[in-house]
């Protein structure tokens, strides 16, 4: 994809959004746009920035994800097999380590998660620690991606994992503090954004292409679904642990003689 084609395609994607926003402003609300030059400059910066970002995805993140999957599953890199033996899932342990590390690091750096965590800490009056929230989400994302790579290695159907994860989410939703449930579900959504998704998708497709007997169409996709689910589980788990510790502290203080 050339730079000019990317700029043109991005412009066609942004124009309907601008038409809806300005259409509602002038035809429904019937008021002029405040600071119109700044708004137009903002749309221009979004257009340019998004175009360069898409070019960067094509030239860097997607190739790097596929390259890492190819190198980590190469028969020269994997442990040597005895004659006639078959690969065991544990032979791909470097794949799991890389998936966990890249999942945690990209999530910590995710701009949308940083914005949500800071806003959650601000609104909660300091009750929610933004850093701990980001760590909880990062651990969930890392575990979800690692589980996704293991599923590809094993060749097991995605629906089993999704069903089990949703079952756990439902149980946790019934037992978690009500105040944390909406934030937990939103945290699962914001993690799959600009930085994380391209690497996850490229890693999954690369693994499914390189591992014998796997189909990129059937096995390469689905990692993003697990990456969305497990941050919900870890955030609610973090809230449940914090609630348990607070209850335990209060009970200990009540038992302390005056």
Protein backbone atom coordinates (compact mmCIF):
# COMPACT_ATOMS: atom_id res chain seq x y z
CA UNK A 1 0.00 0.00 0.00
CA UNK A 2 1.52 3.32 -1.12
CA UNK A 3 1.55 6.43 1.04
CA UNK A 4 -0.72 8.32 -1.36
CA UNK A 5 -3.24 5.46 -1.46
CA UNK A 6 -3.23 5.29 2.34
CA UNK A 7 -3.86 9.05 2.64
CA UNK A 8 -6.70 8.85 0.13
CA UNK A 9 -8.31 5.82 1.78
CA UNK A 10 -8.05 7.39 5.24
CA UNK A 11 -9.64 10.60 3.95
CA UNK A 12 -12.59 8.61 2.59
CA UNK A 13 -12.95 6.95 6.00
CA UNK A 14 -12.89 10.23 7.92
CA UNK A 15 -15.20 12.24 5.64
CA UNK A 16 -18.43 10.42 6.72
CA UNK A 17 -17.55 11.06 10.38
CA UNK A 18 -17.01 14.77 9.68
CA UNK A 19 -20.23 14.92 7.64
CA UNK A 20 -22.27 13.43 10.50
CA UNK A 21 -20.71 15.69 13.15
CA UNK A 22 -21.10 18.91 11.15
CA UNK A 23 -24.49 17.81 9.83
CA UNK A 24 -25.89 17.39 13.33
CA UNK A 25 -24.25 20.62 14.48
CA UNK A 26 -25.69 22.79 11.69
CA UNK A 27 -28.91 20.96 10.75
CA UNK A 28 -30.15 19.53 14.06
CA UNK A 29 -28.60 21.66 16.83
CA UNK A 30 -28.45 24.66 14.45
CA UNK A 31 -25.55 26.38 16.12
CA UNK A 32 -22.13 27.29 14.75
CA UNK A 33 -19.13 25.21 15.76
CA UNK A 34 -17.10 26.86 18.50
CA UNK A 35 -13.44 27.37 17.61
CA UNK A 36 -14.03 26.11 14.06
CA UNK A 37 -10.41 26.64 12.88
CA UNK A 38 -9.12 24.49 15.78
CA UNK A 39 -11.68 21.77 15.01
CA UNK A 40 -10.72 21.73 11.34
CA UNK A 41 -7.04 21.60 12.27
CA UNK A 42 -7.83 18.69 14.61
CA UNK A 43 -9.53 16.75 11.82
CA UNK A 44 -6.52 17.44 9.58
CA UNK A 45 -4.12 16.13 12.25
CA UNK A 46 -6.27 13.02 12.74
CA UNK A 47 -6.18 12.40 8.99
CA UNK A 48 -2.40 12.78 8.73
CA UNK A 49 -1.63 10.90 11.96
CA UNK A 50 -3.93 7.99 11.16
CA UNK A 51 -2.49 7.69 7.66
CA UNK A 52 1.08 7.49 8.93
CA UNK A 53 -0.02 5.05 11.63
CA UNK A 54 -1.56 2.71 9.04
CA UNK A 55 1.62 2.85 6.98
CA UNK A 56 3.61 2.03 10.11
CA UNK A 57 1.41 -0.99 10.77
CA UNK A 58 1.99 -2.34 7.29
CA UNK A 59 5.74 -1.75 7.34
CA UNK A 60 6.63 -2.55 10.95
CA UNK A 61 4.14 -4.08 13.38
CA UNK A 62 2.52 -6.68 11.11
CA UNK A 63 5.83 -7.89 9.62
CA UNK A 64 7.48 -8.00 13.06
CA UNK A 65 4.66 -10.06 14.56
CA UNK A 66 4.77 -12.56 11.72
CA UNK A 67 8.58 -12.63 11.77
CA UNK A 68 8.69 -13.43 15.50
CA UNK A 69 6.14 -16.22 15.05
CA UNK A 70 8.17 -17.64 12.16
CA UNK A 71 11.48 -17.52 14.04
CA UNK A 72 10.13 -18.92 17.31
CA UNK A 73 8.51 -21.89 15.55
CA UNK A 74 11.40 -22.67 13.22
CA UNK A 75 12.58 -26.28 13.55
CA UNK A 76 16.17 -25.05 13.93
CA UNK A 77 15.18 -22.97 16.96
CA UNK A 78 12.97 -25.57 18.64
CA UNK A 79 14.38 -28.48 20.67
CA UNK A 80 15.77 -31.33 18.59
CA UNK A 81 13.33 -34.21 18.14
CA UNK A 82 14.18 -37.88 18.25
CA UNK A 83 13.59 -39.74 15.02
CA UNK A 84 9.88 -40.45 14.53
CA UNK A 85 8.83 -38.34 17.55
CA UNK A 86 6.18 -35.64 17.40
CA UNK A 87 6.28 -32.12 18.75
CA UNK A 88 4.91 -31.60 22.27
CA UNK A 89 3.12 -28.38 23.15
CA UNK A 90 5.82 -27.60 25.72
CA UNK A 91 8.43 -27.35 22.93
CA UNK A 92 6.96 -23.96 22.06
CA UNK A 93 7.64 -22.44 25.48
CA UNK A 94 9.46 -19.45 23.97
CA UNK A 95 6.29 -18.65 22.03
CA UNK A 96 4.32 -18.52 25.27
CA UNK A 97 6.96 -16.38 26.98
CA UNK A 98 7.03 -13.95 24.06
CA UNK A 99 3.22 -13.80 23.91
CA UNK A 100 2.99 -13.04 27.64
CA UNK A 101 5.74 -10.41 27.51
CA UNK A 102 4.44 -8.64 24.40
CA UNK A 103 0.86 -8.73 25.71
CA UNK A 104 1.79 -7.15 29.03
CA UNK A 105 4.14 -4.53 27.57
CA UNK A 106 1.83 -3.35 24.78
CA UNK A 107 -1.10 -3.11 27.18
CA UNK A 108 0.82 -1.02 29.71
CA UNK A 109 1.69 1.37 26.88
CA UNK A 110 -1.84 1.44 25.41
CA UNK A 111 -2.92 5.12 25.24
CA UNK A 112 -6.63 4.37 25.60
CA UNK A 113 -6.03 2.30 28.74
CA UNK A 114 -3.90 5.06 30.26
CA UNK A 115 -6.69 7.57 29.61
CA UNK A 116 -9.38 5.32 31.11
CA UNK A 117 -7.28 4.44 34.19
CA UNK A 118 -6.50 8.10 34.92
CA UNK A 119 -10.14 9.07 34.55
CA UNK A 120 -11.22 6.16 36.77
CA UNK A 121 -8.75 7.22 39.46
CA UNK A 122 -9.96 10.82 39.23
CA UNK A 123 -13.66 10.01 39.43
CA UNK A 124 -13.23 7.47 42.23
CA UNK A 125 -11.47 10.03 44.39
CA UNK A 126 -8.33 7.92 44.64
CA UNK A 127 -10.11 4.66 45.53
CA UNK A 128 -8.97 3.12 42.25
CA UNK A 129 -5.22 3.18 41.72
CA UNK A 130 -4.59 3.90 38.00
CA UNK A 131 -1.28 2.00 38.01
CA UNK A 132 -2.75 -1.08 39.69
CA UNK A 133 -5.66 -1.01 37.27
CA UNK A 134 -3.26 -0.95 34.32
CA UNK A 135 -1.23 -3.80 35.83
CA UNK A 136 -4.39 -5.88 36.35
CA UNK A 137 -5.47 -5.28 32.76
CA UNK A 138 -1.97 -6.02 31.44
CA UNK A 139 -1.83 -9.35 33.30
CA UNK A 140 -5.22 -10.32 31.92
CA UNK A 141 -4.20 -9.38 28.41
CA UNK A 142 -0.90 -11.26 28.72
CA UNK A 143 -2.63 -14.38 30.00
CA UNK A 144 -5.30 -14.19 27.28
CA UNK A 145 -2.73 -13.90 24.49
CA UNK A 146 -0.62 -16.70 25.97
CA UNK A 147 -3.68 -18.92 26.18
CA UNK A 148 -4.49 -18.01 22.58
CA UNK A 149 -1.06 -19.10 21.37
CA UNK A 150 -1.38 -22.36 23.33
CA UNK A 151 -4.78 -22.95 21.69
CA UNK A 152 -3.22 -22.53 18.25
CA UNK A 153 -0.40 -24.92 19.12
CA UNK A 154 -2.90 -27.50 20.40
CA UNK A 155 -5.37 -26.92 17.56
CA UNK A 156 -8.37 -26.87 19.91
CA UNK A 157 -11.64 -25.10 18.99
CA UNK A 158 -11.96 -21.48 20.09
CA UNK A 159 -15.53 -21.87 21.35
CA UNK A 160 -14.43 -24.03 24.29
CA UNK A 161 -12.16 -21.29 25.58
CA UNK A 162 -14.69 -18.52 24.98
CA UNK A 163 -17.45 -20.47 26.73
CA UNK A 164 -15.29 -21.18 29.77
CA UNK A 165 -14.07 -17.56 29.95
CA UNK A 166 -17.58 -16.13 29.70
CA UNK A 167 -18.78 -18.55 32.36
CA UNK A 168 -16.06 -17.27 34.68
CA UNK A 169 -16.94 -13.66 33.80
CA UNK A 170 -20.60 -14.28 34.68
CA UNK A 171 -19.70 -15.86 38.03
CA UNK A 172 -17.35 -12.99 38.85
CA UNK A 173 -19.94 -10.41 37.82
CA UNK A 174 -22.37 -11.85 40.35
CA UNK A 175 -19.78 -11.73 43.15
CA UNK A 176 -17.78 -8.58 42.41
CA UNK A 177 -18.41 -5.08 43.84
CA UNK A 178 -21.02 -3.41 41.68
CA UNK A 179 -18.93 -0.26 41.28
CA UNK A 180 -16.10 -2.09 39.49
CA UNK A 181 -18.17 -4.15 37.01
CA UNK A 182 -18.69 -1.44 34.32
CA UNK A 183 -15.03 -0.41 34.55
CA UNK A 184 -13.92 -4.04 34.22
CA UNK A 185 -15.93 -4.55 31.03
CA UNK A 186 -14.70 -1.27 29.56
CA UNK A 187 -11.12 -2.23 30.43
CA UNK A 188 -11.48 -5.32 28.29
CA UNK A 189 -12.51 -3.18 25.35
CA UNK A 190 -9.90 -0.45 25.52
CA UNK A 191 -7.02 -2.93 25.59
CA UNK A 192 -7.69 -4.07 22.03
CA UNK A 193 -6.72 -0.82 20.40
CA UNK A 194 -4.06 0.81 18.24
CA UNK A 195 -0.90 -0.84 19.58
CA UNK A 196 -2.08 -4.23 20.77
CA UNK A 197 -4.35 -5.51 18.00
CA UNK A 198 -1.86 -5.43 15.08
CA UNK A 199 0.77 -7.41 16.98
CA UNK A 200 -1.76 -9.94 18.31
CA UNK A 201 -3.29 -10.48 14.87
CA UNK A 202 0.09 -10.85 13.19
CA UNK A 203 1.35 -13.24 15.88
CA UNK A 204 -1.75 -15.44 15.62
CA UNK A 205 -1.67 -15.59 11.84
CA UNK A 206 2.06 -16.25 11.84
CA UNK A 207 1.73 -19.13 14.31
CA UNK A 208 -1.16 -20.72 12.43
CA UNK A 209 0.83 -20.48 9.20
CA UNK A 210 4.04 -21.98 10.57
CA UNK A 211 2.71 -24.79 12.80
CA UNK A 212 1.92 -27.92 10.76
CA UNK A 213 -1.74 -28.81 10.48
CA UNK A 214 -3.08 -25.37 11.44
CA UNK A 215 -5.21 -23.16 9.23
CA UNK A 216 -4.67 -19.38 9.28
CA UNK A 217 -8.42 -18.89 8.74
CA UNK A 218 -9.64 -21.37 11.36
CA UNK A 219 -6.84 -21.08 13.93
CA UNK A 220 -5.10 -17.76 13.24
CA UNK A 221 -7.96 -15.60 14.45
CA UNK A 222 -9.59 -15.60 17.88
CA UNK A 223 -6.69 -14.34 19.99
CA UNK A 224 -8.24 -10.87 20.15
CA UNK A 225 -11.42 -12.38 21.62
CA UNK A 226 -9.45 -13.95 24.47
CA UNK A 227 -7.45 -10.75 24.86
CA UNK A 228 -10.73 -8.87 25.45
CA UNK A 229 -12.11 -11.36 27.96
CA UNK A 230 -9.28 -11.96 30.40
CA UNK A 231 -8.71 -8.30 31.37
CA UNK A 232 -12.34 -8.31 32.56
CA UNK A 233 -11.57 -11.32 34.73
CA UNK A 234 -8.37 -9.88 36.21
CA UNK A 235 -9.87 -6.44 36.93
CA UNK A 236 -12.82 -7.98 38.78
CA UNK A 237 -10.40 -10.34 40.51
CA UNK A 238 -8.32 -7.34 41.60
CA UNK A 239 -11.46 -5.67 42.98
CA UNK A 240 -12.49 -8.84 44.81
CA UNK A 241 -9.05 -9.19 46.41
CA UNK A 242 -9.07 -5.51 47.43
CA UNK A 243 -12.54 -5.91 48.95
CA UNK A 244 -11.48 -9.05 50.82
CA UNK A 245 -8.40 -7.32 52.21
CA UNK A 246 -10.43 -4.30 53.29
CA UNK A 247 -12.98 -6.54 55.02
CA UNK A 248 -10.21 -8.47 56.73
CA UNK A 249 -8.57 -5.24 57.95
CA UNK A 250 -11.85 -3.94 59.35
CA UNK A 251 -12.48 -7.23 61.12
CA UNK A 252 -9.00 -7.16 62.64
CA UNK A 253 -9.51 -3.58 63.83
CA UNK A 254 -12.86 -4.51 65.39
CA UNK A 255 -11.25 -7.36 67.32
CA UNK A 256 -8.37 -5.19 68.59
CA UNK A 257 -8.99 -4.27 72.27
CA UNK A 258 -9.32 -0.58 72.96
